[in-house]
Each structure stands twice: as structure tokens, then as C-alpha cells.
PDB file of N, CA and C in Angstrom:
ATOM      1  N   MET A   1       0.875  -1.128   0.124  1.00  0.00           N
ATOM      2  CA  MET A   1       0.022  -0.097  -0.016  1.00  0.00           C
ATOM      3  C   MET A   1       0.897   1.179  -0.064  1.00  0.00           C
ATOM      4  N   LYS A   2       0.520   2.219  -0.808  1.00  0.00           N
ATOM      5  CA  LYS A   2       1.402   3.431  -0.894  1.00  0.00           C
ATOM      6  C   LYS A   2       0.676   4.587   0.069  1.00  0.00           C
ATOM      7  N   ASN A   3       1.617   5.434   0.577  1.00  0.00           N
ATOM      8  CA  ASN A   3       1.239   6.639   1.274  1.00  0.00           C
ATOM      9  C   ASN A   3       1.327   7.823   0.567  1.00  0.00           C
ATOM     10  N   ILE A   4       0.301   8.734   0.653  1.00  0.00           N
ATOM     11  CA  ILE A   4       0.331   9.973   0.077  1.00  0.00           C
ATOM     12  C   ILE A   4       0.126  11.021   1.208  1.00  0.00           C
ATOM     13  N   THR A   5       0.492  12.317   0.764  1.00  0.00           N
ATOM     14  CA  THR A   5       0.511  13.451   1.662  1.00  0.00           C
ATOM     15  C   THR A   5      -0.458  14.390   0.980  1.00  0.00           C
ATOM     16  N   VAL A   6      -1.318  14.918   1.492  1.00  0.00           N
ATOM     17  CA  VAL A   6      -2.237  16.075   0.889  1.00  0.00           C
ATOM     18  C   VAL A   6      -2.408  17.202   1.896  1.00  0.00           C
ATOM     19  N   SER A   7      -2.288  18.416   1.370  1.00  0.00           N
ATOM     20  CA  SER A   7      -2.405  19.382   1.898  1.00  0.00           C
ATOM     21  C   SER A   7      -3.735  20.150   1.803  1.00  0.00           C
ATOM     22  N   LEU A   8      -4.348  20.515   2.982  1.00  0.00           N
ATOM     23  CA  LEU A   8      -5.707  21.035   3.144  1.00  0.00           C
ATOM     24  C   LEU A   8      -5.729  22.302   3.694  1.00  0.00           C
ATOM     25  N   PRO A   9      -6.850  23.217   3.482  1.00  0.00           N
ATOM     26  CA  PRO A   9      -6.954  24.325   4.469  1.00  0.00           C
ATOM     27  C   PRO A   9      -7.528  23.852   5.689  1.00  0.00           C
ATOM     28  N   ASP A  10      -7.241  24.594   6.651  1.00  0.00           N
ATOM     29  CA  ASP A  10      -7.561  24.180   8.108  1.00  0.00           C
ATOM     30  C   ASP A  10      -9.079  23.850   8.343  1.00  0.00           C
ATOM     31  N   ASP A  11      -9.944  24.814   7.620  1.00  0.00           N
ATOM     32  CA  ASP A  11     -11.318  24.430   7.800  1.00  0.00           C
ATOM     33  C   ASP A  11     -11.864  23.310   7.262  1.00  0.00           C
ATOM     34  N   ILE A  12     -11.247  22.792   6.140  1.00  0.00           N
ATOM     35  CA  ILE A  12     -11.633  21.573   5.474  1.00  0.00           C
ATOM     36  C   ILE A  12     -11.013  20.483   6.234  1.00  0.00           C
ATOM     37  N   TYR A  13      -9.925  20.585   6.835  1.00  0.00           N
ATOM     38  CA  TYR A  13      -9.262  19.434   7.637  1.00  0.00           C
ATOM     39  C   TYR A  13     -10.165  19.186   8.908  1.00  0.00           C
ATOM     40  N   HIS A  14     -10.602  20.373   9.538  1.00  0.00           N
ATOM     41  CA  HIS A  14     -11.385  20.186  10.822  1.00  0.00           C
ATOM     42  C   HIS A  14     -12.799  19.542  10.469  1.00  0.00           C
ATOM     43  N   ARG A  15     -13.406  19.991   9.388  1.00  0.00           N
ATOM     44  CA  ARG A  15     -14.758  19.470   9.017  1.00  0.00           C
ATOM     45  C   ARG A  15     -14.582  17.898   8.571  1.00  0.00           C
ATOM     46  N   SER A  16     -13.448  17.621   8.039  1.00  0.00           N
ATOM     47  CA  SER A  16     -13.364  16.065   7.716  1.00  0.00           C
ATOM     48  C   SER A  16     -12.961  15.374   8.891  1.00  0.00           C
ATOM     49  N   ARG A  17     -12.430  15.871   9.893  1.00  0.00           N
ATOM     50  CA  ARG A  17     -12.141  15.130  11.060  1.00  0.00           C
ATOM     51  C   ARG A  17     -13.486  14.910  11.813  1.00  0.00           C
ATOM     52  N   VAL A  18     -14.478  15.813  11.794  1.00  0.00           N
ATOM     53  CA  VAL A  18     -15.650  15.833  12.406  1.00  0.00           C
ATOM     54  C   VAL A  18     -16.601  14.790  11.716  1.00  0.00           C
ATOM     55  N   MET A  19     -16.320  14.792  10.244  1.00  0.00           N
ATOM     56  CA  MET A  19     -17.210  13.833   9.534  1.00  0.00           C
ATOM     57  C   MET A  19     -16.614  12.313   9.757  1.00  0.00           C
ATOM     58  N   ALA A  20     -15.410  12.113   9.707  1.00  0.00           N
ATOM     59  CA  ALA A  20     -14.767  10.928  10.124  1.00  0.00           C
ATOM     60  C   ALA A  20     -15.134  10.458  11.487  1.00  0.00           C
ATOM     61  N   ALA A  21     -15.142  11.340  12.446  1.00  0.00           N
ATOM     62  CA  ALA A  21     -15.492  10.905  13.884  1.00  0.00           C
ATOM     63  C   ALA A  21     -17.036  10.515  13.836  1.00  0.00           C
ATOM     64  N   GLU A  22     -17.911  11.096  13.222  1.00  0.00           N
ATOM     65  CA  GLU A  22     -19.443  10.725  13.082  1.00  0.00           C
ATOM     66  C   GLU A  22     -19.456   9.457  12.466  1.00  0.00           C
ATOM     67  N   GLN A  23     -18.567   9.044  11.652  1.00  0.00           N
ATOM     68  CA  GLN A  23     -18.792   7.787  10.927  1.00  0.00           C
ATOM     69  C   GLN A  23     -17.789   6.678  11.583  1.00  0.00           C
ATOM     70  N   ARG A  24     -17.301   7.062  12.716  1.00  0.00           N
ATOM     71  CA  ARG A  24     -16.281   6.057  13.280  1.00  0.00           C
ATOM     72  C   ARG A  24     -15.232   5.753  12.554  1.00  0.00           C
ATOM     73  N   ALA A  25     -14.648   6.546  11.662  1.00  0.00           N
ATOM     74  CA  ALA A  25     -13.553   6.156  10.845  1.00  0.00           C
ATOM     75  C   ALA A  25     -12.372   7.322  11.054  1.00  0.00           C
ATOM     76  N   SER A  26     -11.414   6.967  10.281  1.00  0.00           N
ATOM     77  CA  SER A  26     -10.244   7.998  10.226  1.00  0.00           C
ATOM     78  C   SER A  26     -10.447   8.842   9.048  1.00  0.00           C
ATOM     79  N   VAL A  27      -9.806  10.077   8.979  1.00  0.00           N
ATOM     80  CA  VAL A  27      -9.656  10.833   7.767  1.00  0.00           C
ATOM     81  C   VAL A  27      -9.215  10.099   6.565  1.00  0.00           C
ATOM     82  N   SER A  28      -7.960   9.301   6.882  1.00  0.00           N
ATOM     83  CA  SER A  28      -7.396   8.514   5.840  1.00  0.00           C
ATOM     84  C   SER A  28      -8.337   7.440   5.254  1.00  0.00           C
ATOM     85  N   ALA A  29      -9.249   6.900   6.194  1.00  0.00           N
ATOM     86  CA  ALA A  29     -10.370   5.817   5.774  1.00  0.00           C
ATOM     87  C   ALA A  29     -11.388   6.529   4.746  1.00  0.00           C
ATOM     88  N   LEU A  30     -11.682   7.808   5.030  1.00  0.00           N
ATOM     89  CA  LEU A  30     -12.518   8.499   4.069  1.00  0.00           C
ATOM     90  C   LEU A  30     -12.020   8.809   2.944  1.00  0.00           C
ATOM     91  N   VAL A  31     -10.687   9.325   2.974  1.00  0.00           N
ATOM     92  CA  VAL A  31     -10.111   9.415   1.615  1.00  0.00           C
ATOM     93  C   VAL A  31      -9.857   8.295   0.833  1.00  0.00           C
ATOM     94  N   ARG A  32      -9.386   7.197   1.525  1.00  0.00           N
ATOM     95  CA  ARG A  32      -9.210   6.041   0.793  1.00  0.00           C
ATOM     96  C   ARG A  32     -10.496   5.590   0.009  1.00  0.00           C
ATOM     97  N   GLN A  33     -11.638   5.662   0.604  1.00  0.00           N
ATOM     98  CA  GLN A  33     -12.948   5.141   0.352  1.00  0.00           C
ATOM     99  C   GLN A  33     -13.188   6.163  -0.927  1.00  0.00           C
ATOM    100  N   PHE A  34     -13.082   7.423  -0.759  1.00  0.00           N
ATOM    101  CA  PHE A  34     -13.416   8.295  -1.806  1.00  0.00           C
ATOM    102  C   PHE A  34     -12.531   8.089  -3.146  1.00  0.00           C
ATOM    103  N   LEU A  35     -11.247   7.824  -2.885  1.00  0.00           N
ATOM    104  CA  LEU A  35     -10.520   7.474  -3.999  1.00  0.00           C
ATOM    105  C   LEU A  35     -10.777   6.129  -4.585  1.00  0.00           C
ATOM    106  N   ARG A  36     -11.145   5.093  -3.757  1.00  0.00           N
ATOM    107  CA  ARG A  36     -11.563   3.841  -4.364  1.00  0.00           C
ATOM    108  C   ARG A  36     -12.675   3.991  -5.227  1.00  0.00           C
ATOM    109  N   GLU A  37     -13.690   4.687  -4.816  1.00  0.00           N
ATOM    110  CA  GLU A  37     -14.915   4.845  -5.501  1.00  0.00           C
ATOM    111  C   GLU A  37     -14.591   5.606  -6.795  1.00  0.00           C
ATOM    112  N   MET A  38     -13.788   6.808  -6.751  1.00  0.00           N
ATOM    113  CA  MET A  38     -13.443   7.426  -7.955  1.00  0.00           C
ATOM    114  C   MET A  38     -12.653   6.694  -8.938  1.00  0.00           C
ATOM    115  N   ALA A  39     -11.746   5.773  -8.625  1.00  0.00           N
ATOM    116  CA  ALA A  39     -10.819   5.009  -9.439  1.00  0.00           C
ATOM    117  C   ALA A  39     -11.632   3.856  -9.915  1.00  0.00           C
ATOM    118  N   GLY A  40     -12.536   3.339  -9.199  1.00  0.00           N
ATOM    119  CA  GLY A  40     -13.397   2.206  -9.731  1.00  0.00           C
ATOM    120  C   GLY A  40     -14.307   2.579 -10.848  1.00  0.00           C
ATOM    121  N   GLY A  41     -14.829   3.824 -10.833  1.00  0.00           N
ATOM    122  CA  GLY A  41     -15.885   4.220 -11.832  1.00  0.00           C
ATOM    123  C   GLY A  41     -15.208   4.417 -13.197  1.00  0.00           C
ATOM    124  N   GLU A  42     -16.049   4.642 -14.142  1.00  0.00           N
ATOM    125  CA  GLU A  42     -15.697   4.610 -15.477  1.00  0.00           C
ATOM    126  C   GLU A  42     -15.330   6.370 -15.773  1.00  0.00           C
ATOM    127  N   SER A  43     -14.266   6.576 -16.246  1.00  0.00           N
ATOM    128  CA  SER A  43     -13.844   7.967 -16.489  1.00  0.00           C
ATOM    129  C   SER A  43     -14.582   8.425 -17.842  1.00  0.00           C
ATOM    130  N   ASP A  44     -14.524   9.713 -17.944  1.00  0.00           N
ATOM    131  CA  ASP A  44     -15.275  10.417 -19.101  1.00  0.00           C
ATOM    132  C   ASP A  44     -14.703   9.759 -20.473  1.00  0.00           C
ATOM    133  N   PHE A  45     -13.549   9.576 -20.425  1.00  0.00           N
ATOM    134  CA  PHE A  45     -12.867   9.119 -21.651  1.00  0.00           C
ATOM    135  C   PHE A  45     -13.192   7.583 -21.991  1.00  0.00           C
ATOM    136  N   GLU A  46     -13.194   6.837 -20.882  1.00  0.00           N
ATOM    137  CA  GLU A  46     -13.579   5.396 -21.006  1.00  0.00           C
ATOM    138  C   GLU A  46     -15.131   5.397 -21.431  1.00  0.00           C
ATOM    139  N   LEU A  47     -15.881   6.057 -20.856  1.00  0.00           N
ATOM    140  CA  LEU A  47     -17.290   6.005 -21.273  1.00  0.00           C
ATOM    141  C   LEU A  47     -17.407   6.555 -22.834  1.00  0.00           C
ATOM    142  N   GLY A  48     -16.545   7.442 -23.189  1.00  0.00           N
ATOM    143  CA  GLY A  48     -16.815   7.752 -24.534  1.00  0.00           C
ATOM    144  C   GLY A  48     -16.142   6.730 -25.617  1.00  0.00           C
ATOM    145  N   LYS A  49     -15.136   5.987 -25.178  1.00  0.00           N
ATOM    146  CA  LYS A  49     -14.616   5.022 -25.907  1.00  0.00           C
ATOM    147  C   LYS A  49     -15.677   3.813 -25.869  1.00  0.00           C
ATOM    148  N   ARG A  50     -16.415   3.510 -24.837  1.00  0.00           N
ATOM    149  CA  ARG A  50     -17.285   2.496 -24.805  1.00  0.00           C
ATOM    150  C   ARG A  50     -18.535   2.799 -25.794  1.00  0.00           C
ATOM    151  N   LEU A  51     -19.034   4.018 -25.551  1.00  0.00           N
ATOM    152  CA  LEU A  51     -20.075   4.470 -26.414  1.00  0.00           C
ATOM    153  C   LEU A  51     -19.829   4.426 -27.945  1.00  0.00           C
ATOM    154  N   GLN A  52     -18.590   4.808 -28.151  1.00  0.00           N
ATOM    155  CA  GLN A  52     -18.031   4.807 -29.601  1.00  0.00           C
ATOM    156  C   GLN A  52     -18.165   3.488 -30.287  1.00  0.00           C
ATOM    157  N   ALA A  53     -17.612   2.570 -29.306  1.00  0.00           N
ATOM    158  CA  ALA A  53     -17.546   1.129 -29.833  1.00  0.00           C
ATOM    159  C   ALA A  53     -18.885   0.413 -29.953  1.00  0.00           C
ATOM    160  N   GLU A  54     -19.869   0.924 -28.974  1.00  0.00           N
ATOM    161  CA  GLU A  54     -21.277   0.363 -29.215  1.00  0.00           C
ATOM    162  C   GLU A  54     -21.830   0.968 -30.454  1.00  0.00           C
ATOM    163  N   THR A  55     -21.559   2.211 -30.691  1.00  0.00           N
ATOM    164  CA  THR A  55     -22.361   2.828 -31.759  1.00  0.00           C
ATOM    165  C   THR A  55     -21.733   2.169 -33.042  1.00  0.00           C
ATOM    166  N   LEU A  56     -20.359   1.994 -33.121  1.00  0.00           N
ATOM    167  CA  LEU A  56     -19.868   1.328 -34.361  1.00  0.00           C
ATOM    168  C   LEU A  56     -20.215  -0.024 -34.600  1.00  0.00           C
ATOM    169  N   ALA A  57     -20.442  -0.713 -33.523  1.00  0.00           N
ATOM    170  CA  ALA A  57     -21.208  -2.117 -33.453  1.00  0.00           C
ATOM    171  C   ALA A  57     -22.437  -2.192 -34.181  1.00  0.00           C
ATOM    172  N   GLY A  58     -23.198  -1.102 -33.731  1.00  0.00           N
ATOM    173  CA  GLY A  58     -24.594  -0.929 -34.087  1.00  0.00           C
ATOM    174  C   GLY A  58     -24.659  -0.590 -35.667  1.00  0.00           C
ATOM    175  N   ILE A  59     -23.757  -0.020 -36.223  1.00  0.00           N
ATOM    176  CA  ILE A  59     -23.598   0.564 -37.507  1.00  0.00           C
ATOM    177  C   ILE A  59     -23.078  -0.580 -38.339  1.00  0.00           C
ATOM    178  N   GLN A  60     -22.200  -1.601 -37.932  1.00  0.00           N
ATOM    179  CA  GLN A  60     -21.908  -2.606 -38.665  1.00  0.00           C
ATOM    180  C   GLN A  60     -22.900  -3.718 -38.679  1.00  0.00           C
ATOM    181  N   ARG A  61     -23.858  -3.675 -37.612  1.00  0.00           N
ATOM    182  CA  ARG A  61     -24.944  -4.709 -37.733  1.00  0.00           C
ATOM    183  C   ARG A  61     -25.952  -4.262 -38.739  1.00  0.00           C
ATOM    184  N   PHE A  62     -26.033  -3.028 -39.116  1.00  0.00           N
ATOM    185  CA  PHE A  62     -27.062  -2.410 -40.037  1.00  0.00           C
ATOM    186  C   PHE A  62     -27.008  -3.055 -41.221  1.00  0.00           C
ATOM    187  N   ARG A  63     -28.005  -3.555 -41.905  1.00  0.00           N
ATOM    188  CA  ARG A  63     -28.225  -4.026 -43.227  1.00  0.00           C
ATOM    189  C   ARG A  63     -29.390  -3.328 -44.029  1.00  0.00           C
ATOM    190  N   ALA A  64     -29.007  -2.796 -45.150  1.00  0.00           N
ATOM    191  CA  ALA A  64     -29.994  -2.089 -45.999  1.00  0.00           C
ATOM    192  C   ALA A  64     -31.225  -3.004 -46.300  1.00  0.00           C
ATOM    193  N   SER A  65     -31.003  -4.237 -46.400  1.00  0.00           N
ATOM    194  CA  SER A  65     -31.946  -5.342 -46.709  1.00  0.00           C
ATOM    195  C   SER A  65     -33.126  -5.231 -45.637  1.00  0.00           C
ATOM    196  N   ALA A  66     -32.726  -4.939 -44.328  1.00  0.00           N
ATOM    197  CA  ALA A  66     -33.611  -4.891 -43.301  1.00  0.00           C
ATOM    198  C   ALA A  66     -34.532  -3.647 -43.239  1.00  0.00           C
ATOM    199  N   ARG A  67     -34.399  -2.703 -44.000  1.00  0.00           N
ATOM    200  CA  ARG A  67     -35.151  -1.628 -44.123  1.00  0.00           C
ATOM    201  C   ARG A  67     -36.572  -1.985 -44.769  1.00  0.00           C
ATOM    202  N   MET A  68     -37.488  -1.047 -44.520  1.00  0.00           N
ATOM    203  CA  MET A  68     -38.759  -1.091 -45.205  1.00  0.00           C
ATOM    204  C   MET A  68     -38.750  -0.793 -46.631  1.00  0.00           C
ATOM    205  N   THR A  69     -39.676  -1.473 -47.516  1.00  0.00           N
ATOM    206  CA  THR A  69     -39.690  -1.072 -48.758  1.00  0.00           C
ATOM    207  C   THR A  69     -40.384   0.104 -48.912  1.00  0.00           C
ATOM    208  N   ARG A  70     -40.146   0.874 -50.089  1.00  0.00           N
ATOM    209  CA  ARG A  70     -41.009   1.964 -50.512  1.00  0.00           C
ATOM    210  C   ARG A  70     -42.475   1.861 -50.247  1.00  0.00           C
ATOM    211  N   ASP A  71     -42.972   0.648 -50.825  1.00  0.00           N
ATOM    212  CA  ASP A  71     -44.415   0.476 -50.656  1.00  0.00           C
ATOM    213  C   ASP A  71     -44.807   0.392 -49.315  1.00  0.00           C
ATOM    214  N   GLN A  72     -44.122  -0.244 -48.381  1.00  0.00           N
ATOM    215  CA  GLN A  72     -44.405  -0.365 -46.910  1.00  0.00           C
ATOM    216  C   GLN A  72     -44.404   0.909 -46.378  1.00  0.00           C
ATOM    217  N   VAL A  73     -43.609   1.851 -46.553  1.00  0.00           N
ATOM    218  CA  VAL A  73     -43.455   3.062 -46.137  1.00  0.00           C
ATOM    219  C   VAL A  73     -44.618   3.944 -46.301  1.00  0.00           C
ATOM    220  N   HIS A  74     -45.076   3.770 -47.548  1.00  0.00           N
ATOM    221  CA  HIS A  74     -46.095   4.620 -47.968  1.00  0.00           C
ATOM    222  C   HIS A  74     -47.556   4.020 -47.948  1.00  0.00           C
ATOM    223  N   ASN A  75     -47.677   2.933 -47.356  1.00  0.00           N
ATOM    224  CA  ASN A  75     -48.934   2.271 -47.181  1.00  0.00           C
ATOM    225  C   ASN A  75     -49.619   2.891 -46.034  1.00  0.00           C
ATOM    226  N   ARG A  76     -50.564   3.818 -46.503  1.00  0.00           N
ATOM    227  CA  ARG A  76     -51.229   4.685 -45.467  1.00  0.00           C
ATOM    228  C   ARG A  76     -52.283   3.819 -44.855  1.00  0.00           C
ATOM    229  N   ASN A  77     -52.826   2.760 -45.336  1.00  0.00           N
ATOM    230  CA  ASN A  77     -53.853   1.910 -44.683  1.00  0.00           C
ATOM    231  C   ASN A  77     -53.365   1.286 -43.507  1.00  0.00           C
ATOM    232  N   ALA A  78     -52.024   1.053 -43.370  1.00  0.00           N
ATOM    233  CA  ALA A  78     -51.312   0.300 -42.212  1.00  0.00           C
ATOM    234  C   ALA A  78     -51.325   1.257 -40.993  1.00  0.00           C
ATOM    235  N   LEU A  79     -51.427   2.786 -41.480  1.00  0.00           N
ATOM    236  CA  LEU A  79     -51.325   3.622 -40.210  1.00  0.00           C
ATOM    237  C   LEU A  79     -52.806   3.852 -39.554  1.00  0.00           C
ATOM    238  N   ARG A  80     -53.863   3.333 -40.253  1.00  0.00           N
ATOM    239  CA  ARG A  80     -55.130   3.678 -39.820  1.00  0.00           C
ATOM    240  C   ARG A  80     -55.643   2.594 -38.961  1.00  0.00           C
TER     241      ARG A  80
END
């Protein structure tokens, strides 16, 4: 496990100590949990890459033969 040093303004440090005490945890435990949640999630870049891949896969599955014919599109009786 790695150690890091973080500098905080006094007011934030004191509020974080109070929050940690309310949760019966240490400030380090709160920071660890925050970073774990942040690192475990999908970044904006990763989200964009995933959505791009899904979109491209959908485009590749598209076939013109699966479209409606001109007669089906203009069949007004089907809409009534």
C-alpha cells in the first residue's frame, strides 16, 4: 500500500475530522474510500470509448435489406 500526503486548508481538515468521527472512521479511511470509488468508476474518456464502440457495432450490424420497402413506407392503410 502506498502513502500520500495531502495539504488541506484548516477549515476543510477540521470538517473532515468531524465527518470521520461521526462515521467512526479516520480521515485516511474517508479519503481511501473516496479514491476507491473515484478510481473504480468509468472515466469520461472510458465512457466515450465504450459508447463509440457500441455505436460502431450497431452501424456494422445495420443492413439495408432490413429496411422497409418504399411500398411499406407509403402504405397509409397500415397507419389507420
